[in-house]
Amino acid sequence: MIELPVDQVRRLVADARQDVQDFLGLAGTWTEQHLPAHAAAVTTALARALDLAPAP
């Protein structure tokens, strides 16, 4: 068992969410470079799969 204070758990979850959002941004950049004709569709589908809004 691991015990953590609630504020630390919240911070860890927020950090993990930010990491996933950052990944989505990088994936969007990659698709624009390598799949320009499909970048929007791929990024939108990935955002939907990750339950996030597409990166601006």
C-alpha atoms as a PDB file:
ATOM      1  CA  MET A   1       0.000   0.000   0.000  1.00  0.00           C
ATOM      2  CA  ILE A   2       1.160   3.505  -0.795  1.00  0.00           C
ATOM      3  CA  GLU A   3      -0.241   6.402   1.155  1.00  0.00           C
ATOM      4  CA  LEU A   4      -0.118   9.894  -0.288  1.00  0.00           C
ATOM      5  CA  PRO A   5      -1.678  13.134   0.834  1.00  0.00           C
ATOM      6  CA  VAL A   6      -4.656  14.185  -1.291  1.00  0.00           C
ATOM      7  CA  ASP A   7      -2.913  17.334  -2.539  1.00  0.00           C
ATOM      8  CA  GLN A   8       0.002  15.244  -3.798  1.00  0.00           C
ATOM      9  CA  VAL A   9      -2.344  12.854  -5.626  1.00  0.00           C
ATOM     10  CA  ARG A  10      -4.081  15.827  -7.255  1.00  0.00           C
ATOM     11  CA  ARG A  11      -0.727  17.232  -8.382  1.00  0.00           C
ATOM     12  CA  LEU A  12       0.367  13.876  -9.783  1.00  0.00           C
ATOM     13  CA  VAL A  13      -2.883  13.503 -11.716  1.00  0.00           C
ATOM     14  CA  ALA A  14      -2.618  17.074 -13.041  1.00  0.00           C
ATOM     15  CA  ASP A  15       0.983  16.414 -14.110  1.00  0.00           C
ATOM     16  CA  ALA A  16      -0.047  13.200 -15.884  1.00  0.00           C
ATOM     17  CA  ARG A  17      -2.865  15.013 -17.692  1.00  0.00           C
ATOM     18  CA  GLN A  18      -0.406  17.705 -18.806  1.00  0.00           C
ATOM     19  CA  ASP A  19       1.987  15.034 -20.083  1.00  0.00           C
ATOM     20  CA  VAL A  20      -0.802  13.503 -22.183  1.00  0.00           C
ATOM     21  CA  GLN A  21      -1.798  16.962 -23.473  1.00  0.00           C
ATOM     22  CA  ASP A  22       1.853  17.644 -24.371  1.00  0.00           C
ATOM     23  CA  PHE A  23       1.989  14.305 -26.197  1.00  0.00           C
ATOM     24  CA  LEU A  24      -1.087  15.281 -28.198  1.00  0.00           C
ATOM     25  CA  GLY A  25       0.609  18.528 -29.204  1.00  0.00           C
ATOM     26  CA  LEU A  26       3.728  16.677 -30.335  1.00  0.00           C
ATOM     27  CA  ALA A  27       1.641  14.127 -32.214  1.00  0.00           C
ATOM     28  CA  GLY A  28      -0.152  16.987 -33.963  1.00  0.00           C
ATOM     29  CA  THR A  29       3.156  18.484 -35.052  1.00  0.00           C
ATOM     30  CA  TRP A  30       4.353  15.096 -36.276  1.00  0.00           C
ATOM     31  CA  THR A  31       1.206  14.459 -38.303  1.00  0.00           C
ATOM     32  CA  GLU A  32       1.452  17.910 -39.907  1.00  0.00           C
ATOM     33  CA  GLN A  33       4.982  17.077 -41.029  1.00  0.00           C
ATOM     34  CA  HIS A  34       4.448  13.465 -42.100  1.00  0.00           C
ATOM     35  CA  LEU A  35       0.745  13.201 -42.961  1.00  0.00           C
ATOM     36  CA  PRO A  36      -0.255  16.735 -43.963  1.00  0.00           C
ATOM     37  CA  ALA A  37      -3.351  15.618 -45.859  1.00  0.00           C
ATOM     38  CA  HIS A  38      -4.620  13.707 -42.831  1.00  0.00           C
ATOM     39  CA  ALA A  39      -3.171  15.712 -39.930  1.00  0.00           C
ATOM     40  CA  ALA A  40      -6.438  17.229 -38.715  1.00  0.00           C
ATOM     41  CA  ALA A  41      -8.322  13.939 -38.836  1.00  0.00           C
ATOM     42  CA  VAL A  42      -5.555  11.990 -37.110  1.00  0.00           C
ATOM     43  CA  THR A  43      -5.073  14.620 -34.401  1.00  0.00           C
ATOM     44  CA  THR A  44      -8.825  14.860 -33.779  1.00  0.00           C
ATOM     45  CA  ALA A  45      -9.162  11.081 -33.575  1.00  0.00           C
ATOM     46  CA  LEU A  46      -6.224  10.859 -31.180  1.00  0.00           C
ATOM     47  CA  ALA A  47      -7.656  13.639 -29.007  1.00  0.00           C
ATOM     48  CA  ARG A  48     -10.998  11.829 -28.921  1.00  0.00           C
ATOM     49  CA  ALA A  49      -9.295   8.549 -27.973  1.00  0.00           C
ATOM     50  CA  LEU A  50      -7.398  10.338 -25.179  1.00  0.00           C
ATOM     51  CA  ASP A  51     -10.550  12.234 -24.137  1.00  0.00           C
ATOM     52  CA  LEU A  52      -8.821  15.595 -24.656  1.00  0.00           C
ATOM     53  CA  ALA A  53      -9.455  18.675 -26.727  1.00  0.00           C
ATOM     54  CA  PRO A  54      -7.156  18.931 -29.771  1.00  0.00           C
ATOM     55  CA  ALA A  55      -4.104  21.105 -29.166  1.00  0.00           C
ATOM     56  CA  PRO A  56      -4.329  24.573 -30.718  1.00  0.00           C
END
